[in-house]
């Protein structure tokens, strides 16, 4: 049975993530596939191995289920930024999730290892510029899970591209979900409008994983090394010219 007691705080980010995934995530309503733990852990472990530092960001946090997983992976001095319309539901144009600031704040108090390092921005992401959300040098973990319209998703991809540090990992929700075709169209436009800095290397747990172009080869090989042995029939495919693992 899920427990509402916070996990023991650990100084090791991957240990904190595992504890939160076990004890906290089942108590927070949201659409976070259980299988996402392994690819998220693998990506974070690779960042630690190669020395990628930066803050974490989620656009569209709902009640914080995935946000707190990213938060658990923060290192010393890193911030976690949450962007959501929260209770301004008149801005939720496609009803892609009804966030709650009260619930989000409660879950941060319960499950964050460092609530003082959490920054909540209540806004429609279309109104934000990179300077409105960047806390230091940029973000190394980003989740795009806000409004799933073409306009919002394309805007959020541009925000991620502008604020991602080298070696960042960006998760795009519902890329292959036929219920949300705007996400697919936005990523197509993102790739066709120019030479994007963010490129795909993995699809897992209903998320498309992107990284910066300079870090693509290392991110892909890390995913293959850490995920292929236990994955069910993984496939190596190409998307917009870039090799990508599908698990």
Protein backbone atom coordinates (compact mmCIF):
# COMPACT_ATOMS: atom_id res chain seq x y z
CA UNK A 1 0.00 0.00 0.00
CA UNK A 2 1.26 3.54 -0.71
CA UNK A 3 2.49 5.47 2.28
CA UNK A 4 2.10 9.18 2.98
CA UNK A 5 5.26 9.35 5.07
CA UNK A 6 8.13 11.18 3.35
CA UNK A 7 11.17 9.07 2.50
CA UNK A 8 14.39 9.38 4.42
CA UNK A 9 16.39 12.23 2.88
CA UNK A 10 19.49 11.02 1.07
CA UNK A 11 22.37 13.05 -0.27
CA UNK A 12 22.52 10.83 -3.38
CA UNK A 13 20.11 12.09 -6.10
CA UNK A 14 19.45 8.64 -7.59
CA UNK A 15 18.67 7.27 -4.13
CA UNK A 16 16.29 10.18 -3.52
CA UNK A 17 14.61 9.52 -6.85
CA UNK A 18 14.11 5.83 -6.08
CA UNK A 19 12.70 6.64 -2.63
CA UNK A 20 10.31 9.24 -4.01
CA UNK A 21 9.22 6.90 -6.82
CA UNK A 22 8.46 4.21 -4.29
CA UNK A 23 6.82 6.29 -1.56
CA UNK A 24 5.70 9.62 -2.97
CA UNK A 25 4.67 9.21 -6.58
CA UNK A 26 1.86 6.69 -5.88
CA UNK A 27 0.21 9.29 -3.64
CA UNK A 28 0.14 12.09 -6.21
CA UNK A 29 -2.47 12.10 -8.97
CA UNK A 30 -0.88 12.39 -12.38
CA UNK A 31 -0.03 10.58 -15.59
CA UNK A 32 3.49 9.30 -14.95
CA UNK A 33 4.23 5.86 -16.38
CA UNK A 34 5.98 3.61 -13.83
CA UNK A 35 8.43 2.46 -16.53
CA UNK A 36 9.77 6.01 -16.77
CA UNK A 37 11.93 5.50 -13.67
CA UNK A 38 14.64 3.49 -15.39
CA UNK A 39 15.23 5.79 -18.42
CA UNK A 40 15.08 8.89 -16.22
CA UNK A 41 17.59 7.36 -13.81
CA UNK A 42 19.83 6.33 -16.71
CA UNK A 43 19.82 9.84 -18.16
CA UNK A 44 20.56 11.42 -14.78
CA UNK A 45 23.35 8.94 -14.09
CA UNK A 46 24.96 9.79 -17.42
CA UNK A 47 24.77 13.50 -16.66
CA UNK A 48 26.53 12.85 -13.34
CA UNK A 49 29.18 10.76 -15.11
CA UNK A 50 30.04 13.50 -17.61
CA UNK A 51 29.62 16.43 -15.23
CA UNK A 52 26.48 18.14 -16.54
CA UNK A 53 25.16 20.70 -14.03
CA UNK A 54 22.15 22.97 -14.06
CA UNK A 55 18.69 23.55 -12.67
CA UNK A 56 15.58 21.51 -13.46
CA UNK A 57 12.34 22.73 -15.04
CA UNK A 58 8.87 21.43 -15.74
CA UNK A 59 6.30 23.28 -17.83
CA UNK A 60 2.91 21.88 -16.84
CA UNK A 61 3.36 20.35 -13.39
CA UNK A 62 -0.29 19.44 -12.61
CA UNK A 63 0.07 18.37 -8.95
CA UNK A 64 3.78 17.63 -9.06
CA UNK A 65 4.08 13.88 -9.72
CA UNK A 66 6.88 14.12 -12.30
CA UNK A 67 8.19 17.47 -11.12
CA UNK A 68 9.17 15.98 -7.77
CA UNK A 69 11.08 13.22 -9.55
CA UNK A 70 13.12 15.89 -11.34
CA UNK A 71 13.43 17.77 -8.05
CA UNK A 72 14.89 14.67 -6.38
CA UNK A 73 17.71 14.69 -8.92
CA UNK A 74 18.88 18.20 -8.06
CA UNK A 75 22.42 18.62 -6.87
CA UNK A 76 23.70 21.11 -4.30
CA UNK A 77 22.83 24.66 -5.26
CA UNK A 78 20.54 23.66 -8.12
CA UNK A 79 16.97 24.98 -8.32
CA UNK A 80 13.74 23.35 -9.47
CA UNK A 81 11.37 25.60 -11.44
CA UNK A 82 7.68 24.73 -11.87
CA UNK A 83 5.60 26.52 -14.50
CA UNK A 84 1.84 26.01 -14.57
CA UNK A 85 -1.38 28.00 -14.85
CA UNK A 86 -2.42 26.19 -11.66
CA UNK A 87 -5.80 27.63 -10.58
CA UNK A 88 -6.08 30.02 -13.55
CA UNK A 89 -7.98 27.34 -15.43
CA UNK A 90 -9.44 29.82 -17.91
CA UNK A 91 -5.94 29.71 -19.45
CA UNK A 92 -6.07 25.91 -19.81
CA UNK A 93 -7.25 26.06 -23.42
CA UNK A 94 -7.16 22.34 -24.21
CA UNK A 95 -7.99 20.89 -20.77
CA UNK A 96 -4.75 18.92 -20.76
CA UNK A 97 -4.72 18.68 -16.96
CA UNK A 98 -6.23 20.65 -14.09
CA UNK A 99 -3.41 21.80 -11.84
CA UNK A 100 -3.81 22.88 -8.23
CA UNK A 101 -1.40 25.26 -6.52
CA UNK A 102 -2.62 24.15 -3.10
CA UNK A 103 -1.99 20.47 -3.86
CA UNK A 104 1.31 21.21 -5.54
CA UNK A 105 2.60 23.20 -2.55
CA UNK A 106 1.46 20.44 -0.20
CA UNK A 107 3.30 17.79 -2.21
CA UNK A 108 6.45 19.91 -2.31
CA UNK A 109 6.36 20.21 1.48
CA UNK A 110 5.92 16.45 1.81
CA UNK A 111 8.31 15.13 -0.80
CA UNK A 112 10.94 17.68 -1.75
CA UNK A 113 14.32 17.23 -0.09
CA UNK A 114 14.81 21.00 -0.35
CA UNK A 115 11.53 22.97 -0.58
CA UNK A 116 13.42 26.26 -0.41
CA UNK A 117 15.01 25.39 -3.74
CA UNK A 118 11.63 25.11 -5.52
CA UNK A 119 10.47 28.11 -7.56
CA UNK A 120 6.84 28.14 -8.73
CA UNK A 121 5.84 30.37 -11.65
CA UNK A 122 2.08 30.69 -12.12
CA UNK A 123 1.67 31.72 -15.75
CA UNK A 124 0.74 30.64 -19.25
CA UNK A 125 4.08 29.63 -20.76
CA UNK A 126 3.25 31.63 -23.90
CA UNK A 127 3.80 34.78 -21.84
CA UNK A 128 7.26 33.77 -20.61
CA UNK A 129 10.71 34.62 -21.92
CA UNK A 130 13.83 32.65 -20.96
CA UNK A 131 14.83 35.37 -18.48
CA UNK A 132 11.55 34.82 -16.61
CA UNK A 133 12.45 31.25 -15.65
CA UNK A 134 16.24 30.84 -15.72
CA UNK A 135 17.68 30.88 -12.21
CA UNK A 136 21.39 30.53 -12.99
CA UNK A 137 23.21 29.22 -16.07
CA UNK A 138 20.34 27.16 -17.46
CA UNK A 139 18.53 23.84 -17.13
CA UNK A 140 19.89 20.30 -17.41
CA UNK A 141 16.56 18.47 -16.95
CA UNK A 142 13.40 19.83 -18.57
CA UNK A 143 9.92 18.35 -18.86
CA UNK A 144 7.48 19.77 -21.42
CA UNK A 145 4.00 18.71 -20.30
CA UNK A 146 1.87 21.86 -20.41
CA UNK A 147 -0.81 22.67 -22.94
CA UNK A 148 -0.59 20.19 -25.82
CA UNK A 149 -1.62 22.63 -28.54
CA UNK A 150 0.71 23.24 -31.47
CA UNK A 151 1.29 26.84 -30.40
CA UNK A 152 2.11 26.01 -26.78
CA UNK A 153 4.26 22.98 -27.51
CA UNK A 154 6.28 24.82 -30.14
CA UNK A 155 6.74 27.73 -27.73
CA UNK A 156 7.82 25.39 -24.93
CA UNK A 157 10.32 23.65 -27.18
CA UNK A 158 11.78 27.05 -28.05
CA UNK A 159 11.99 27.93 -24.33
CA UNK A 160 13.74 24.64 -23.64
CA UNK A 161 16.17 25.15 -26.49
CA UNK A 162 17.01 28.65 -25.30
CA UNK A 163 17.58 27.63 -21.67
CA UNK A 164 19.15 24.14 -21.95
CA UNK A 165 22.78 23.68 -20.97
CA UNK A 166 25.03 21.43 -23.06
CA UNK A 167 24.10 17.82 -22.28
CA UNK A 168 20.62 18.72 -21.04
CA UNK A 169 17.82 16.15 -21.29
CA UNK A 170 14.35 17.34 -22.34
CA UNK A 171 11.26 15.14 -21.97
CA UNK A 172 8.35 15.86 -24.33
CA UNK A 173 5.08 14.32 -23.18
CA UNK A 174 2.65 12.46 -25.46
CA UNK A 175 4.69 12.74 -28.66
CA UNK A 176 3.24 9.55 -30.14
CA UNK A 177 -0.18 9.87 -28.48
CA UNK A 178 -2.91 10.17 -31.17
CA UNK A 179 -5.16 11.96 -28.67
CA UNK A 180 -2.77 14.94 -28.70
CA UNK A 181 -1.70 15.48 -32.34
CA UNK A 182 -0.60 19.03 -31.58
CA UNK A 183 2.52 17.72 -29.86
CA UNK A 184 3.55 15.76 -32.95
CA UNK A 185 2.85 18.69 -35.27
CA UNK A 186 4.77 21.11 -33.05
CA UNK A 187 7.85 18.88 -32.99
CA UNK A 188 7.64 18.57 -36.78
CA UNK A 189 7.57 22.35 -37.14
CA UNK A 190 10.39 22.69 -34.62
CA UNK A 191 12.55 20.48 -36.81
CA UNK A 192 11.49 22.00 -40.12
CA UNK A 193 11.87 25.64 -39.12
CA UNK A 194 15.65 25.43 -38.90
CA UNK A 195 18.50 23.44 -37.40
CA UNK A 196 17.32 22.62 -33.87
CA UNK A 197 19.78 22.41 -31.02
CA UNK A 198 17.65 19.71 -29.32
CA UNK A 199 17.45 16.30 -31.00
CA UNK A 200 15.84 12.96 -30.06
CA UNK A 201 17.77 10.01 -28.64
CA UNK A 202 15.11 7.94 -26.81
CA UNK A 203 11.40 7.26 -26.51
CA UNK A 204 10.28 5.61 -23.29
CA UNK A 205 7.46 5.88 -20.77
CA UNK A 206 5.32 7.92 -23.21
CA UNK A 207 8.04 10.57 -23.36
CA UNK A 208 10.29 11.65 -26.22
CA UNK A 209 13.77 12.30 -24.79
CA UNK A 210 15.83 15.04 -26.43
CA UNK A 211 19.34 16.23 -25.76
CA UNK A 212 21.61 18.89 -27.19
CA UNK A 213 23.13 18.06 -30.56
CA UNK A 214 26.68 18.00 -29.20
CA UNK A 215 25.72 15.40 -26.57
CA UNK A 216 23.55 13.15 -28.76
CA UNK A 217 26.06 10.35 -29.37
CA UNK A 218 26.90 9.96 -25.69
CA UNK A 219 23.27 10.10 -24.58
CA UNK A 220 22.25 7.45 -27.11
CA UNK A 221 25.08 5.08 -26.22
CA UNK A 222 24.32 5.52 -22.52
CA UNK A 223 20.65 4.68 -23.14
CA UNK A 224 21.62 1.57 -25.10
CA UNK A 225 24.06 0.41 -22.43
CA UNK A 226 21.72 0.98 -19.50
CA UNK A 227 18.33 0.15 -21.03
CA UNK A 228 18.77 -2.46 -23.75
CA UNK A 229 19.65 -5.41 -21.46
CA UNK A 230 16.31 -5.21 -19.64
CA UNK A 231 14.09 -3.63 -22.26
CA UNK A 232 11.45 -5.57 -24.17
CA UNK A 233 12.42 -5.64 -27.85
CA UNK A 234 14.18 -2.26 -28.02
CA UNK A 235 14.49 -0.77 -31.49
CA UNK A 236 17.01 1.60 -32.94
CA UNK A 237 15.23 3.95 -35.34
CA UNK A 238 15.75 7.34 -36.97
CA UNK A 239 13.67 10.45 -36.35
CA UNK A 240 14.43 13.60 -38.34
CA UNK A 241 17.79 12.10 -39.23
CA UNK A 242 18.87 11.26 -35.68
CA UNK A 243 19.30 7.77 -34.25
CA UNK A 244 16.88 7.07 -31.40
CA UNK A 245 16.21 4.08 -29.14
CA UNK A 246 12.58 3.05 -28.63
CA UNK A 247 11.94 0.91 -25.55
